[in-house]
Amino acid sequence: MTELQARKSLYTLLLIVLLSCAGIALPYPILAPLFLNEVNDFTTFANLNPKLLLGFLLAIYPLGVLIGSSFIGAASDIYGRKKVLMITLTISAIGYLCSVWALLSENYLLFALTRFITGISEGNIAIARAIAIDLSPPLDRTRSYSLVSATTYAGWLVGPLVGGLLQPYGNHHAFVVGAIAMALTIVLVHFLLTETKSPAQVVTSKLSLRRLIYQQNSFTLLKHQPIRRLFYVFLFSTLATNAFYEFYPLWLVESFNFEGPGIGFITAILTTAMILSSVNLLPYLKRRVGSVNACLIAMTLFAIFMLFHNLISEQGVWYIYPLIGVVIAIYNALLSVYASEKFDHEDQGKLMGLITTTFSLSNMLMAIVGSLIAIYGSVYAIMTGGILMIVAVLSLYYGFAGHPRLSENTSPNDKEISADDRQLND
């Protein structure tokens, strides 16, 4: 692939990621006000506490992503990125339409089922990350990945903003727009995206779906000790990240009586900071201090922000949350870039699938545990995330920065030495 072709594929990919992530993020400003402020068959299902019902919905979606991303990335290594992406986007569009029907009929179980199915198909974010890796060379890997990360955050900016603005007109409208976004994405993939991973014809003729899920899923990478050590860092850091993501809307409602539009605007400010950081800071930080050291600093700051979250005032939210966005963007992207560079000999679809799966696993676990903690106050769920982030910082430092043993048991094919490895060895 020439550099011109690679750039065209990258720009097309960025537009696809923007629409896809915006569709995913549309419902987030809607669910918390819905369960706290409205009383109907949907929000009082089985006479359960609304916070528990909300927590279940927050958990069921990432459970689907967890299952989907564990094999969708690997499937794209085998069947081709474009084909698998088309199939999963089509399922997502259908899932959003079914969610509209569930909300209109106030059917909680149907809504939970559609969110689960949609989650399975939206494990395809691993494919987008793998495509960004495929484009290196001729494009710079860190730059491509940082642009994909920035576009992901842009989707999380546009989605909640639009969802919050639509919420006063009816909770189902956001899901209608989500379905439209998925339909546009399907068109873009079909006509504009260039395949970056040719299907493995010999393998696909003999590989059943069952064997794909059970034998080629991303968790098989954990048999390698270096990858397993990095997995624990990802797990604890994403548990902490999701403690913030999932419960800051609830905290804003409880503490300052925020409504859907207010949550949408604060989310827009948060994600704008993430976008600007991804585009401008990441390559610079990687060159100057290395991925690991930059992540350690960012993760430590994030832990402090969460542990002392109850000290943030209503006015302070508008100043602190952009800083939170900056540190999240730094460690989220640079940890993934570090993993892709060090384990370049592994199938990148499977590796990116493991990273996405880890995020989804922590999303699901935190939704369940955090909702139980949030019964006593949503701020305690966020503070729990601060404790988990401290564990992640210690795991990263003692596993990689303080004792650089990552090179143990790596493949002999992994001959590229990254700037981070040279820094650690020095």
Protein backbone atom coordinates (compact mmCIF):
# COMPACT_ATOMS: atom_id res chain seq x y z
CA MET A 1 0.00 0.00 0.00
CA THR A 2 1.33 3.43 -0.97
CA GLU A 3 1.35 6.31 1.50
CA LEU A 4 -1.44 8.03 -0.45
CA GLN A 5 -3.64 4.91 -0.30
CA ALA A 6 -2.86 4.50 3.38
CA ARG A 7 -3.87 8.09 4.13
CA LYS A 8 -7.12 7.68 2.21
CA SER A 9 -7.91 4.53 4.21
CA LEU A 10 -7.02 6.28 7.46
CA TYR A 11 -9.27 9.28 6.79
CA THR A 12 -12.12 6.97 5.80
CA LEU A 13 -11.54 4.95 8.96
CA LEU A 14 -11.65 8.11 11.09
CA LEU A 15 -15.04 9.07 9.66
CA ILE A 16 -16.34 5.55 10.28
CA VAL A 17 -15.07 5.58 13.87
CA LEU A 18 -16.63 9.01 14.46
CA LEU A 19 -20.10 7.92 13.34
CA SER A 20 -19.89 4.56 15.07
CA CYS A 21 -18.75 5.92 18.44
CA ALA A 22 -21.27 8.77 18.29
CA GLY A 23 -24.00 6.18 17.85
CA ILE A 24 -22.71 4.17 20.79
CA ALA A 25 -22.50 7.22 23.07
CA LEU A 26 -25.88 8.74 22.22
CA PRO A 27 -27.84 7.02 25.06
CA TYR A 28 -25.44 7.87 27.91
CA PRO A 29 -26.96 11.23 28.99
CA ILE A 30 -30.42 9.67 28.83
CA LEU A 31 -30.29 6.64 31.11
CA ALA A 32 -29.35 8.29 34.43
CA PRO A 33 -32.10 10.99 34.34
CA LEU A 34 -34.56 8.40 33.03
CA PHE A 35 -34.16 6.08 36.02
CA LEU A 36 -33.87 8.81 38.65
CA ASN A 37 -36.58 11.19 37.44
CA GLU A 38 -39.26 9.06 35.73
CA VAL A 39 -41.64 6.48 37.17
CA ASN A 40 -43.18 3.97 34.74
CA ASP A 41 -43.16 0.26 33.94
CA PHE A 42 -39.70 0.60 32.45
CA THR A 43 -38.00 2.25 35.45
CA THR A 44 -39.81 0.18 38.10
CA PHE A 45 -39.43 -3.24 36.49
CA ALA A 46 -40.03 -6.05 39.01
CA ASN A 47 -40.21 -3.38 41.76
CA LEU A 48 -36.42 -3.20 41.87
CA ASN A 49 -34.38 -0.18 42.94
CA PRO A 50 -33.97 2.10 39.86
CA LYS A 51 -30.22 2.33 40.51
CA LEU A 52 -29.96 -1.44 40.32
CA LEU A 53 -31.97 -1.47 37.08
CA LEU A 54 -29.67 1.22 35.70
CA GLY A 55 -26.61 -0.72 36.86
CA PHE A 56 -27.84 -3.86 35.08
CA LEU A 57 -28.25 -1.95 31.81
CA LEU A 58 -24.81 -0.42 32.25
CA ALA A 59 -23.45 -3.96 32.71
CA ILE A 60 -25.36 -5.83 30.00
CA TYR A 61 -24.03 -3.69 27.15
CA PRO A 62 -20.32 -4.14 27.98
CA LEU A 63 -21.00 -7.83 28.59
CA GLY A 64 -22.01 -7.99 24.94
CA VAL A 65 -18.93 -6.01 23.92
CA LEU A 66 -16.82 -8.35 26.07
CA ILE A 67 -18.12 -11.41 24.22
CA GLY A 68 -17.98 -9.78 20.80
CA SER A 69 -14.54 -8.24 21.06
CA SER A 70 -13.07 -11.52 22.29
CA PHE A 71 -13.51 -13.03 18.82
CA ILE A 72 -14.46 -10.22 16.38
CA GLY A 73 -10.90 -8.88 16.23
CA ALA A 74 -9.55 -12.40 15.67
CA ALA A 75 -12.24 -12.99 13.03
CA SER A 76 -11.02 -9.94 11.12
CA ASP A 77 -7.50 -11.43 11.12
CA ILE A 78 -8.92 -14.50 9.38
CA TYR A 79 -11.85 -13.34 7.24
CA GLY A 80 -10.71 -9.79 6.48
CA ARG A 81 -11.35 -6.48 8.27
CA LYS A 82 -13.94 -5.08 5.86
CA LYS A 83 -16.23 -8.11 5.70
CA VAL A 84 -16.45 -8.57 9.47
CA LEU A 85 -16.94 -4.82 9.98
CA MET A 86 -19.88 -4.75 7.55
CA ILE A 87 -21.63 -7.64 9.30
CA THR A 88 -21.23 -6.22 12.79
CA LEU A 89 -22.36 -2.72 11.78
CA THR A 90 -25.53 -4.17 10.25
CA ILE A 91 -26.32 -5.99 13.49
CA SER A 92 -25.74 -2.73 15.42
CA ALA A 93 -28.21 -0.83 13.24
CA ILE A 94 -30.88 -3.48 13.79
CA GLY A 95 -30.15 -3.42 17.53
CA TYR A 96 -30.74 0.34 17.74
CA LEU A 97 -34.08 0.03 15.97
CA CYS A 98 -35.15 -2.70 18.39
CA SER A 99 -34.12 -0.46 21.31
CA VAL A 100 -36.50 2.21 19.99
CA TRP A 101 -39.36 -0.26 20.06
CA ALA A 102 -38.44 -1.40 23.58
CA LEU A 103 -38.48 2.16 24.93
CA LEU A 104 -41.77 3.03 23.26
CA SER A 105 -43.41 -0.11 24.67
CA GLU A 106 -41.70 0.37 28.09
CA ASN A 107 -40.31 -3.17 27.86
CA TYR A 108 -37.27 -3.31 30.14
CA LEU A 109 -36.29 -6.91 29.31
CA LEU A 110 -36.46 -6.31 25.55
CA PHE A 111 -34.35 -3.18 25.95
CA ALA A 112 -31.76 -5.10 27.96
CA LEU A 113 -31.67 -7.84 25.30
CA THR A 114 -31.22 -5.38 22.44
CA ARG A 115 -28.42 -3.59 24.32
CA PHE A 116 -26.70 -6.96 24.83
CA ILE A 117 -26.93 -7.90 21.14
CA THR A 118 -25.81 -4.42 20.08
CA GLY A 119 -22.88 -4.71 22.47
CA ILE A 120 -21.74 -7.98 20.87
CA SER A 121 -21.59 -6.38 17.43
CA GLU A 122 -19.89 -3.22 18.71
CA GLY A 123 -16.88 -5.18 19.78
CA ASN A 124 -15.79 -4.15 16.26
CA ILE A 125 -13.87 -1.16 17.67
CA ALA A 126 -11.04 -3.71 17.88
CA ILE A 127 -11.14 -3.89 14.06
CA ALA A 128 -10.75 -0.12 13.74
CA ARG A 129 -7.70 -0.20 16.00
CA ALA A 130 -6.25 -3.12 14.07
CA ILE A 131 -6.70 -1.25 10.77
CA ALA A 132 -4.78 1.71 12.22
CA ILE A 133 -1.96 -0.68 13.10
CA ASP A 134 -2.12 -2.29 9.62
CA LEU A 135 -1.38 1.09 8.03
CA SER A 136 2.09 1.13 9.62
CA PRO A 137 4.16 1.28 7.49
CA PRO A 138 3.89 3.52 5.48
CA LEU A 139 2.16 5.66 8.17
CA ASP A 140 3.54 6.26 11.65
CA ARG A 141 1.86 3.87 14.08
CA THR A 142 1.65 6.22 17.06
CA ARG A 143 0.26 9.03 14.94
CA SER A 144 -2.37 6.82 13.30
CA TYR A 145 -3.42 5.30 16.61
CA SER A 146 -3.58 8.70 18.30
CA LEU A 147 -5.84 9.98 15.51
CA VAL A 148 -8.13 6.98 15.90
CA SER A 149 -8.22 7.61 19.66
CA ALA A 150 -8.99 11.29 19.09
CA THR A 151 -11.80 10.41 16.70
CA THR A 152 -13.18 7.91 19.22
CA TYR A 153 -13.32 10.70 21.78
CA ALA A 154 -14.92 12.98 19.19
CA GLY A 155 -17.67 10.39 18.82
CA TRP A 156 -18.07 10.42 22.58
CA LEU A 157 -18.34 14.22 22.35
CA VAL A 158 -20.92 14.37 19.58
CA GLY A 159 -22.95 11.39 20.83
CA PRO A 160 -23.74 12.56 24.40
CA LEU A 161 -24.21 16.14 23.22
CA VAL A 162 -26.79 15.13 20.63
CA GLY A 163 -28.35 12.59 23.00
CA GLY A 164 -28.67 15.18 25.76
CA LEU A 165 -30.26 17.70 23.41
CA LEU A 166 -32.72 15.09 22.10
CA GLN A 167 -33.67 13.79 25.57
CA PRO A 168 -36.38 16.45 26.29
CA TYR A 169 -38.21 15.38 23.12
CA GLY A 170 -38.32 11.68 23.98
CA ASN A 171 -35.83 9.10 25.17
CA HIS A 172 -36.15 6.98 22.02
CA HIS A 173 -34.99 9.67 19.59
CA ALA A 174 -31.33 9.11 20.41
CA PHE A 175 -31.59 5.47 19.36
CA VAL A 176 -33.24 6.46 16.07
CA VAL A 177 -30.28 8.73 15.35
CA GLY A 178 -27.95 5.91 16.41
CA ALA A 179 -29.50 3.59 13.82
CA ILE A 180 -29.09 6.26 11.14
CA ALA A 181 -25.42 6.70 12.10
CA MET A 182 -24.85 2.96 11.77
CA ALA A 183 -26.53 2.95 8.34
CA LEU A 184 -24.26 5.75 7.11
CA THR A 185 -21.24 3.89 8.45
CA ILE A 186 -22.20 0.75 6.51
CA VAL A 187 -22.30 2.79 3.29
CA LEU A 188 -18.88 4.30 3.99
CA VAL A 189 -17.32 0.91 4.71
CA HIS A 190 -18.74 -0.61 1.54
CA PHE A 191 -17.68 2.13 -0.88
CA LEU A 192 -14.62 3.79 0.64
CA LEU A 193 -12.73 1.52 3.03
CA THR A 194 -9.82 -0.45 1.56
CA GLU A 195 -9.20 -3.95 2.90
CA THR A 196 -5.98 -4.02 4.93
CA LYS A 197 -6.01 -7.69 5.89
CA SER A 198 -6.56 -10.29 3.17
CA PRO A 199 -8.69 -13.27 4.23
CA ALA A 200 -6.72 -16.39 5.07
CA GLN A 201 -8.32 -18.69 2.50
CA VAL A 202 -6.79 -21.93 3.72
CA VAL A 203 -7.83 -21.29 7.30
CA THR A 204 -11.33 -19.98 6.58
CA SER A 205 -12.26 -23.08 4.62
CA LYS A 206 -11.69 -25.24 7.67
CA LEU A 207 -12.53 -22.89 10.57
CA SER A 208 -16.04 -23.05 11.99
CA LEU A 209 -17.61 -20.27 14.04
CA ARG A 210 -17.44 -22.48 17.12
CA ARG A 211 -13.70 -23.07 16.66
CA LEU A 212 -13.20 -19.36 16.02
CA ILE A 213 -14.86 -18.41 19.32
CA TYR A 214 -13.25 -21.12 21.44
CA GLN A 215 -9.80 -21.52 19.87
CA GLN A 216 -8.98 -18.18 18.23
CA ASN A 217 -10.38 -15.74 20.79
CA SER A 218 -8.25 -12.97 22.25
CA PHE A 219 -7.91 -14.62 25.66
CA THR A 220 -5.55 -17.21 24.14
CA LEU A 221 -2.89 -14.48 24.21
CA LEU A 222 -2.85 -14.66 28.00
CA LYS A 223 -0.79 -17.84 27.87
CA HIS A 224 2.19 -15.54 27.24
CA GLN A 225 3.50 -14.21 30.56
CA PRO A 226 4.52 -10.70 29.33
CA ILE A 227 1.09 -10.16 27.76
CA ARG A 228 -0.57 -11.49 30.91
CA ARG A 229 1.32 -9.00 33.07
CA LEU A 230 0.27 -6.12 30.84
CA PHE A 231 -3.31 -7.44 30.87
CA TYR A 232 -3.47 -6.89 34.64
CA VAL A 233 -2.38 -3.27 34.17
CA PHE A 234 -5.11 -2.78 31.58
CA LEU A 235 -7.67 -4.48 33.81
CA PHE A 236 -7.13 -2.33 36.89
CA SER A 237 -6.76 0.90 34.92
CA THR A 238 -9.94 0.28 32.93
CA LEU A 239 -11.83 -0.68 36.09
CA ALA A 240 -10.87 2.73 37.45
CA THR A 241 -11.73 4.49 34.18
CA ASN A 242 -15.15 2.89 34.06
CA ALA A 243 -15.84 3.81 37.68
CA PHE A 244 -15.60 7.39 36.49
CA TYR A 245 -17.32 6.98 33.11
CA GLU A 246 -20.33 5.13 34.46
CA PHE A 247 -21.02 7.10 37.62
CA TYR A 248 -20.04 10.70 36.99
CA PRO A 249 -23.45 11.34 35.28
CA LEU A 250 -25.18 9.91 38.37
CA TRP A 251 -22.93 11.98 40.64
CA LEU A 252 -23.77 15.13 38.67
CA VAL A 253 -27.49 14.42 39.04
CA GLU A 254 -27.25 13.62 42.77
CA SER A 255 -24.88 16.42 43.71
CA PHE A 256 -25.93 19.30 41.47
CA ASN A 257 -29.29 18.24 39.91
CA PHE A 258 -27.88 18.07 36.38
CA GLU A 259 -30.33 17.20 33.59
CA GLY A 260 -29.67 15.48 30.25
CA PRO A 261 -28.48 18.62 28.41
CA GLY A 262 -26.13 19.56 31.26
CA ILE A 263 -24.59 16.08 31.31
CA GLY A 264 -24.23 16.26 27.54
CA PHE A 265 -22.37 19.59 27.69
CA ILE A 266 -19.98 18.55 30.48
CA THR A 267 -19.27 15.34 28.56
CA ALA A 268 -18.57 17.43 25.47
CA ILE A 269 -16.02 19.51 27.40
CA LEU A 270 -14.43 16.35 28.84
CA THR A 271 -14.09 14.68 25.46
CA THR A 272 -12.87 17.88 23.75
CA ALA A 273 -9.92 17.84 26.13
CA MET A 274 -9.35 14.17 25.26
CA ILE A 275 -9.40 14.92 21.53
CA LEU A 276 -6.94 17.81 21.75
CA SER A 277 -4.62 15.77 23.96
CA SER A 278 -4.66 12.79 21.60
CA VAL A 279 -3.85 14.88 18.54
CA ASN A 280 -1.22 17.17 20.06
CA LEU A 281 0.29 15.56 23.17
CA LEU A 282 0.67 11.83 22.58
CA PRO A 283 3.45 11.73 19.96
CA TYR A 284 5.36 14.44 21.89
CA LEU A 285 5.10 12.65 25.25
CA LYS A 286 6.12 9.34 23.71
CA ARG A 287 9.26 10.89 22.25
CA ARG A 288 10.19 12.90 25.32
CA VAL A 289 9.49 10.60 28.29
CA GLY A 290 8.35 7.29 26.78
CA SER A 291 4.95 5.62 26.90
CA VAL A 292 5.37 3.97 30.30
CA ASN A 293 6.51 7.07 32.17
CA ALA A 294 3.80 9.22 30.57
CA CYS A 295 1.19 6.65 31.58
CA LEU A 296 2.47 6.53 35.16
CA ILE A 297 2.16 10.30 35.55
CA ALA A 298 -1.29 10.47 33.94
CA MET A 299 -2.67 7.51 35.90
CA THR A 300 -1.41 8.93 39.20
CA LEU A 301 -3.11 12.27 38.54
CA PHE A 302 -6.35 10.50 37.61
CA ALA A 303 -6.27 8.54 40.86
CA ILE A 304 -5.95 11.78 42.82
CA PHE A 305 -8.87 13.37 40.97
CA MET A 306 -11.11 10.40 41.79
CA LEU A 307 -10.06 9.95 45.41
CA PHE A 308 -10.91 13.59 46.16
CA HIS A 309 -13.95 13.83 43.88
CA ASN A 310 -16.26 14.84 46.72
CA LEU A 311 -14.26 18.10 47.09
CA ILE A 312 -15.17 19.26 43.57
CA SER A 313 -17.76 22.07 43.56
CA GLU A 314 -20.41 22.67 40.92
CA GLN A 315 -18.25 25.41 39.41
CA GLY A 316 -15.11 23.32 39.79
CA VAL A 317 -16.56 20.57 37.60
CA TRP A 318 -16.13 22.77 34.53
CA TYR A 319 -12.41 23.17 35.25
CA ILE A 320 -11.48 19.77 36.69
CA TYR A 321 -13.22 17.59 34.12
CA PRO A 322 -11.14 18.89 31.18
CA LEU A 323 -8.00 17.98 33.14
CA ILE A 324 -9.45 14.53 33.75
CA GLY A 325 -10.01 14.22 30.01
CA VAL A 326 -6.34 15.02 29.33
CA VAL A 327 -4.95 12.35 31.65
CA ILE A 328 -7.43 9.70 30.45
CA ALA A 329 -6.44 10.33 26.83
CA ILE A 330 -2.74 9.98 27.64
CA TYR A 331 -2.75 6.59 29.36
CA ASN A 332 -5.57 5.10 27.29
CA ALA A 333 -3.75 5.54 23.99
CA LEU A 334 -0.11 5.15 25.02
CA LEU A 335 -0.69 1.87 26.86
CA SER A 336 -2.25 0.44 23.70
CA VAL A 337 0.51 1.76 21.45
CA TYR A 338 3.13 0.27 23.77
CA ALA A 339 1.38 -3.11 23.64
CA SER A 340 1.10 -3.09 19.83
CA GLU A 341 4.78 -2.18 19.40
CA LYS A 342 6.11 -4.73 21.86
CA PHE A 343 3.93 -7.57 20.60
CA ASP A 344 4.11 -6.69 16.93
CA HIS A 345 4.58 -10.37 16.07
CA GLU A 346 1.06 -11.17 17.30
CA ASP A 347 -2.07 -10.80 15.15
CA GLN A 348 -3.06 -7.19 15.77
CA GLY A 349 -6.77 -7.88 15.46
CA LYS A 350 -6.53 -10.41 18.26
CA LEU A 351 -4.33 -8.12 20.37
CA MET A 352 -6.61 -5.11 19.94
CA GLY A 353 -9.50 -7.45 20.68
CA LEU A 354 -7.89 -8.36 24.00
CA ILE A 355 -7.55 -4.67 24.90
CA THR A 356 -11.17 -3.98 23.96
CA THR A 357 -12.29 -7.11 25.81
CA THR A 358 -10.45 -5.99 28.93
CA PHE A 359 -12.18 -2.62 28.84
CA SER A 360 -15.55 -4.30 28.40
CA LEU A 361 -14.89 -6.79 31.19
CA SER A 362 -14.03 -3.98 33.56
CA ASN A 363 -17.04 -2.00 32.32
CA MET A 364 -19.34 -4.86 33.17
CA LEU A 365 -17.75 -5.57 36.56
CA MET A 366 -17.75 -1.93 37.59
CA ALA A 367 -21.37 -1.47 36.49
CA ILE A 368 -22.44 -4.27 38.83
CA VAL A 369 -20.17 -3.53 41.80
CA GLY A 370 -20.38 0.23 41.35
CA SER A 371 -24.19 0.26 41.28
CA LEU A 372 -24.24 -1.53 44.63
CA ILE A 373 -21.77 0.99 46.06
CA ALA A 374 -23.69 3.88 44.47
CA ILE A 375 -26.76 3.03 46.57
CA TYR A 376 -24.86 4.65 49.44
CA GLY A 377 -23.63 7.49 47.21
CA SER A 378 -22.30 7.66 43.67
CA VAL A 379 -19.16 9.47 44.85
CA TYR A 380 -18.09 6.30 46.68
CA ALA A 381 -18.14 4.38 43.39
CA ILE A 382 -15.88 7.02 41.86
CA MET A 383 -13.54 6.94 44.87
CA THR A 384 -13.33 3.17 44.53
CA GLY A 385 -12.02 3.81 41.03
CA GLY A 386 -9.28 5.94 42.54
CA ILE A 387 -8.13 3.02 44.68
CA LEU A 388 -8.14 0.70 41.68
CA MET A 389 -6.09 3.18 39.68
CA ILE A 390 -3.45 3.20 42.41
CA VAL A 391 -3.24 -0.60 42.03
CA ALA A 392 -2.81 -0.13 38.27
CA VAL A 393 -0.02 2.42 38.81
CA LEU A 394 1.83 0.06 41.14
CA SER A 395 1.38 -2.85 38.70
CA LEU A 396 2.74 -0.79 35.83
CA TYR A 397 5.68 0.56 37.81
CA TYR A 398 6.84 -2.69 39.40
CA GLY A 399 6.05 -4.78 36.33
CA PHE A 400 7.58 -2.56 33.66
CA ALA A 401 9.15 0.73 34.77
CA GLY A 402 10.75 -0.27 38.06
CA HIS A 403 11.66 -3.78 36.89
CA PRO A 404 11.75 -3.82 33.07
CA ARG A 405 11.20 -7.51 32.42
CA LEU A 406 8.76 -7.17 29.54
CA SER A 407 11.20 -8.68 27.08
CA GLU A 408 11.03 -12.06 28.83
CA ASN A 409 9.44 -14.88 26.86
CA THR A 410 8.72 -12.76 23.80
CA SER A 411 8.84 -14.20 20.34
CA PRO A 412 12.17 -14.32 18.51
CA ASN A 413 10.35 -12.68 15.61
CA ASP A 414 9.93 -9.54 17.70
CA LYS A 415 13.15 -7.83 16.61
CA GLU A 416 11.96 -4.23 16.65
CA ILE A 417 13.09 -2.38 19.78
CA SER A 418 10.84 0.57 20.65
CA ALA A 419 11.97 3.84 22.18
CA ASP A 420 10.33 2.75 25.43
CA ASP A 421 12.36 -0.47 25.53
CA ARG A 422 15.59 1.41 24.91
CA GLN A 423 14.73 3.85 27.67
CA LEU A 424 13.93 1.05 30.11
CA ASN A 425 17.08 -0.86 29.24
CA ASP A 426 19.15 2.29 29.77
